[in-house]
């Protein structure tokens, strides 16, 4: 399943009793944001390895947490 397909399955609450699905256009925007984030994270990991930072590069979740803290995300 593609990222756009996953996004279009998301229900959004518009009001207390109304839900709608993400449109393909909105999903495309969300995909762009997700890809941009993934690329920035991958570049950060590459730089960390080049600088030989003492991180556990096997623990991706911990790396993501550190990345988000460093970038204040």
Protein backbone atom coordinates (compact mmCIF):
# COMPACT_ATOMS: atom_id res chain seq x y z
CA UNK A 1 0.00 0.00 0.00
CA UNK A 2 1.37 3.42 -0.93
CA UNK A 3 1.66 6.32 1.47
CA UNK A 4 -1.06 8.23 -0.40
CA UNK A 5 -3.39 5.23 -0.11
CA UNK A 6 -2.72 5.07 3.64
CA UNK A 7 -3.43 8.78 4.04
CA UNK A 8 -6.70 8.59 2.08
CA UNK A 9 -7.97 6.01 4.58
CA UNK A 10 -7.73 8.48 7.46
CA UNK A 11 -11.00 9.76 8.92
CA UNK A 12 -11.07 13.42 9.89
CA UNK A 13 -13.56 14.79 12.40
CA UNK A 14 -15.12 17.98 10.99
CA UNK A 15 -17.72 18.40 13.68
CA UNK A 16 -19.07 16.48 16.63
CA UNK A 17 -21.03 14.12 14.36
CA UNK A 18 -19.36 14.43 10.96
CA UNK A 19 -16.37 12.56 9.58
CA UNK A 20 -14.75 12.76 6.18
CA UNK A 21 -11.85 11.09 4.42
CA UNK A 22 -8.62 12.77 3.36
CA UNK A 23 -8.78 13.66 -0.34
CA UNK A 24 -6.10 12.52 -2.80
CA UNK A 25 -4.91 16.13 -3.10
CA UNK A 26 -4.56 16.45 0.66
CA UNK A 27 -2.88 13.04 0.77
CA UNK A 28 -0.39 14.23 -1.84
CA UNK A 29 0.49 17.21 0.35
CA UNK A 30 0.82 14.93 3.36
CA UNK A 31 3.05 12.58 1.36
CA UNK A 32 5.31 15.51 0.40
CA UNK A 33 5.61 16.56 4.07
CA UNK A 34 6.35 12.97 5.17
CA UNK A 35 8.97 12.50 2.45
CA UNK A 36 10.63 15.82 3.30
CA UNK A 37 10.78 14.78 6.97
CA UNK A 38 12.16 11.33 6.10
CA UNK A 39 14.88 12.82 3.90
CA UNK A 40 15.92 15.33 6.58
CA UNK A 41 16.03 12.54 9.18
CA UNK A 42 18.12 10.30 6.91
CA UNK A 43 20.54 13.15 6.20
CA UNK A 44 20.84 13.84 9.93
CA UNK A 45 21.68 10.16 10.58
CA UNK A 46 24.30 10.23 7.80
CA UNK A 47 25.95 13.32 9.32
CA UNK A 48 25.85 11.78 12.80
CA UNK A 49 27.62 8.69 11.51
CA UNK A 50 30.22 10.79 9.66
CA UNK A 51 30.86 12.78 12.85
CA UNK A 52 31.00 9.50 14.77
CA UNK A 53 28.42 10.59 17.32
CA UNK A 54 27.98 8.02 20.09
CA UNK A 55 24.43 7.03 19.21
CA UNK A 56 23.00 3.53 19.01
CA UNK A 57 22.36 3.44 15.27
CA UNK A 58 20.46 0.16 15.65
CA UNK A 59 17.74 1.87 17.71
CA UNK A 60 15.92 3.95 15.10
CA UNK A 61 13.12 5.00 17.45
CA UNK A 62 15.65 6.45 19.88
CA UNK A 63 17.42 8.23 17.00
CA UNK A 64 14.10 9.72 15.92
CA UNK A 65 13.49 10.96 19.46
CA UNK A 66 16.96 12.57 19.58
CA UNK A 67 16.46 14.10 16.13
CA UNK A 68 13.11 15.63 17.09
CA UNK A 69 14.59 17.04 20.33
CA UNK A 70 17.59 18.54 18.50
CA UNK A 71 15.40 20.07 15.79
CA UNK A 72 12.72 21.12 18.32
CA UNK A 73 10.01 19.28 16.42
